[in-house]
């Protein structure tokens, strides 16, 4: 068996996948980071800000100020005790931020899927290449062992011929004299 014949040990599907991955070279070409449209960048910015401690602290302070201002003000209470206007503002905020955060999560999920596929391609190619290298090493080892066995046999034959020309006690045979 020659070194070029070892690829037949891979299944046809594995061989085709390896050829495809070799053409694409996934290890050299990571997924591109294209510039997102304005809406996606905005949703990412909103999700990043709304999901931060800074936002929680600022919003909590604003809510406390709103409640205190409406509770202690003796005149011009714009939102008296049940704070219906505050509930309306918070409902609007929740109604708009939830879908925006979902859009950002969907975009991030698509990016993660693309990165996962890229990682899979790189790993699959590496696995197939390593398998081929193992097969090459095994084949080379087989060839080396075969060659060594042939050399040992030749040495045995030479030794037998050399011993055949000597007597039983290791002296040269005098049968011809």
Protein backbone atom coordinates (compact mmCIF):
# COMPACT_ATOMS: atom_id res chain seq x y z
CA UNK A 1 0.00 0.00 0.00
CA UNK A 2 1.37 3.40 -0.94
CA UNK A 3 1.06 6.60 1.02
CA UNK A 4 -1.32 8.07 -1.55
CA UNK A 5 -3.73 5.13 -1.13
CA UNK A 6 -4.46 5.74 2.55
CA UNK A 7 -7.18 8.37 1.89
CA UNK A 8 -9.49 5.56 0.89
CA UNK A 9 -9.79 4.71 4.60
CA UNK A 10 -11.98 7.81 5.06
CA UNK A 11 -15.62 7.51 4.14
CA UNK A 12 -16.75 9.30 1.00
CA UNK A 13 -18.67 11.82 3.09
CA UNK A 14 -15.63 12.55 5.26
CA UNK A 15 -13.41 12.90 2.21
CA UNK A 16 -15.87 15.32 0.59
CA UNK A 17 -16.18 17.35 3.81
CA UNK A 18 -12.41 17.54 4.13
CA UNK A 19 -12.04 18.69 0.52
CA UNK A 20 -14.67 21.38 1.08
CA UNK A 21 -13.05 22.55 4.30
CA UNK A 22 -9.62 22.60 2.68
CA UNK A 23 -10.96 24.90 -0.04
CA UNK A 24 -12.63 27.27 2.44
CA UNK A 25 -9.71 27.27 4.93
CA UNK A 26 -11.91 28.08 7.94
CA UNK A 27 -8.93 28.48 10.26
CA UNK A 28 -7.55 31.33 8.18
CA UNK A 29 -10.87 33.07 7.54
CA UNK A 30 -12.83 33.70 10.75
CA UNK A 31 -16.42 34.92 10.45
CA UNK A 32 -16.48 38.50 9.31
CA UNK A 33 -17.85 41.21 11.54
CA UNK A 34 -19.93 43.30 9.20
CA UNK A 35 -21.25 46.67 10.19
CA UNK A 36 -24.77 46.24 11.51
CA UNK A 37 -27.62 48.47 10.35
CA UNK A 38 -28.58 51.43 12.54
CA UNK A 39 -31.56 49.64 14.12
CA UNK A 40 -29.46 46.68 15.22
CA UNK A 41 -26.73 48.95 16.62
CA UNK A 42 -29.42 50.92 18.48
CA UNK A 43 -30.95 47.76 19.93
CA UNK A 44 -27.52 46.60 21.06
CA UNK A 45 -26.85 49.96 22.71
CA UNK A 46 -30.25 49.96 24.47
CA UNK A 47 -29.79 46.36 25.67
CA UNK A 48 -26.30 47.11 26.89
CA UNK A 49 -27.42 50.23 28.79
CA UNK A 50 -30.66 48.82 30.20
CA UNK A 51 -28.81 45.74 31.40
CA UNK A 52 -26.27 47.67 33.47
CA UNK A 53 -26.00 48.64 37.12
CA UNK A 54 -25.65 52.26 36.09
CA UNK A 55 -29.11 52.19 34.52
CA UNK A 56 -30.64 50.46 37.55
CA UNK A 57 -29.12 52.99 39.96
CA UNK A 58 -30.13 56.01 37.84
CA UNK A 59 -33.66 54.66 37.32
CA UNK A 60 -34.06 53.88 41.03
CA UNK A 61 -32.89 57.39 41.94
CA UNK A 62 -35.28 58.94 39.38
CA UNK A 63 -38.20 56.88 40.73
CA UNK A 64 -37.39 57.89 44.30
CA UNK A 65 -37.18 61.57 43.30
CA UNK A 66 -40.50 61.29 41.43
CA UNK A 67 -42.25 59.75 44.42
CA UNK A 68 -40.71 62.17 46.92
CA UNK A 69 -41.45 65.21 44.75
CA UNK A 70 -45.08 64.19 44.37
CA UNK A 71 -45.51 63.20 48.01
CA UNK A 72 -44.08 66.32 49.70
CA UNK A 73 -45.17 68.95 47.20
CA UNK A 74 -48.01 71.01 48.64
CA UNK A 75 -48.96 72.47 45.34
CA UNK A 76 -48.68 71.41 41.69
CA UNK A 77 -48.68 67.71 42.27
CA UNK A 78 -48.53 66.42 38.72
CA UNK A 79 -48.93 62.77 39.83
CA UNK A 80 -50.65 62.29 43.19
CA UNK A 81 -50.37 59.19 45.41
CA UNK A 82 -51.35 56.18 43.33
CA UNK A 83 -48.75 57.52 40.88
CA UNK A 84 -50.75 56.59 37.81
CA UNK A 85 -48.55 58.67 35.50
CA UNK A 86 -45.45 56.95 36.90
CA UNK A 87 -47.06 53.55 36.22
CA UNK A 88 -47.84 54.69 32.67
CA UNK A 89 -44.23 55.83 32.10
CA UNK A 90 -42.84 52.55 33.45
CA UNK A 91 -45.30 50.57 31.32
CA UNK A 92 -44.18 52.45 28.20
CA UNK A 93 -40.57 51.84 29.12
CA UNK A 94 -41.20 48.10 29.56
CA UNK A 95 -43.27 47.90 26.38
CA UNK A 96 -40.50 49.42 24.27
CA UNK A 97 -37.40 48.00 25.90
CA UNK A 98 -38.56 44.35 25.92
CA UNK A 99 -38.83 44.02 22.11
CA UNK A 100 -35.64 46.04 21.63
CA UNK A 101 -33.78 43.71 23.99
CA UNK A 102 -35.25 40.71 22.14
CA UNK A 103 -33.99 42.12 18.82
CA UNK A 104 -30.52 42.49 20.31
CA UNK A 105 -30.66 38.94 21.69
CA UNK A 106 -31.78 37.58 18.31
CA UNK A 107 -28.89 39.36 16.60
CA UNK A 108 -26.42 38.07 19.18
CA UNK A 109 -27.87 34.58 18.79
CA UNK A 110 -27.31 34.72 15.02
CA UNK A 111 -23.71 35.85 15.60
CA UNK A 112 -23.22 33.02 18.12
CA UNK A 113 -24.64 30.45 15.66
CA UNK A 114 -22.29 31.70 12.94
CA UNK A 115 -19.32 31.51 15.32
CA UNK A 116 -20.36 28.04 16.49
CA UNK A 117 -20.58 26.83 12.88
CA UNK A 118 -17.14 28.28 12.21
CA UNK A 119 -15.74 26.53 15.30
CA UNK A 120 -17.36 23.28 14.19
CA UNK A 121 -15.82 23.59 10.71
CA UNK A 122 -12.36 24.24 12.13
CA UNK A 123 -12.68 21.34 14.58
CA UNK A 124 -14.03 18.94 11.94
CA UNK A 125 -11.19 19.80 9.57
CA UNK A 126 -8.63 19.38 12.35
CA UNK A 127 -10.11 16.02 13.32
CA UNK A 128 -10.06 14.73 9.75
CA UNK A 129 -6.54 16.02 9.14
CA UNK A 130 -5.33 14.39 12.36
CA UNK A 131 -7.00 11.14 11.35
CA UNK A 132 -5.20 11.29 8.01
CA UNK A 133 -1.90 11.99 9.75
CA UNK A 134 -2.46 8.99 12.04
CA UNK A 135 -3.11 6.85 9.00
CA UNK A 136 0.06 8.13 7.33
CA UNK A 137 2.12 7.37 10.42
CA UNK A 138 0.57 3.90 10.69
CA UNK A 139 1.30 3.23 7.03
CA UNK A 140 4.86 4.46 7.36
CA UNK A 141 5.31 2.27 10.44
CA UNK A 142 3.96 -0.75 8.53
CA UNK A 143 6.32 -0.06 5.65
CA UNK A 144 9.24 0.38 8.03
CA UNK A 145 8.43 -2.89 9.83
CA UNK A 146 8.13 -4.69 6.51
CA UNK A 147 11.48 -3.32 5.42
CA UNK A 148 13.09 -4.28 8.75
CA UNK A 149 11.66 -7.81 8.51
CA UNK A 150 13.09 -8.15 5.01
CA UNK A 151 16.48 -6.97 6.26
CA UNK A 152 16.36 -9.46 9.15
CA UNK A 153 15.48 -12.27 6.73
CA UNK A 154 18.36 -11.31 4.45
CA UNK A 155 20.70 -11.25 7.43
CA UNK A 156 19.40 -14.66 8.53
CA UNK A 157 19.96 -15.99 5.03
CA UNK A 158 23.52 -14.65 5.00
CA UNK A 159 24.13 -16.09 8.43
CA UNK A 160 22.77 -19.45 7.34
CA UNK A 161 25.01 -19.38 4.25
CA UNK A 162 28.01 -18.43 6.37
CA UNK A 163 27.23 -21.18 8.88
CA UNK A 164 26.62 -23.66 6.07
CA UNK A 165 30.23 -23.20 4.88
CA UNK A 166 31.63 -24.00 8.37
CA UNK A 167 31.81 -27.25 10.28
CA UNK A 168 29.87 -28.20 13.36
CA UNK A 169 32.45 -26.71 15.73
CA UNK A 170 32.69 -23.41 13.91
CA UNK A 171 35.82 -24.32 11.89
CA UNK A 172 35.83 -24.21 8.09
CA UNK A 173 34.57 -27.31 6.40
CA UNK A 174 37.40 -29.44 4.89
CA UNK A 175 35.09 -31.59 2.78
CA UNK A 176 36.79 -30.41 -0.39
CA UNK A 177 40.36 -31.42 0.72
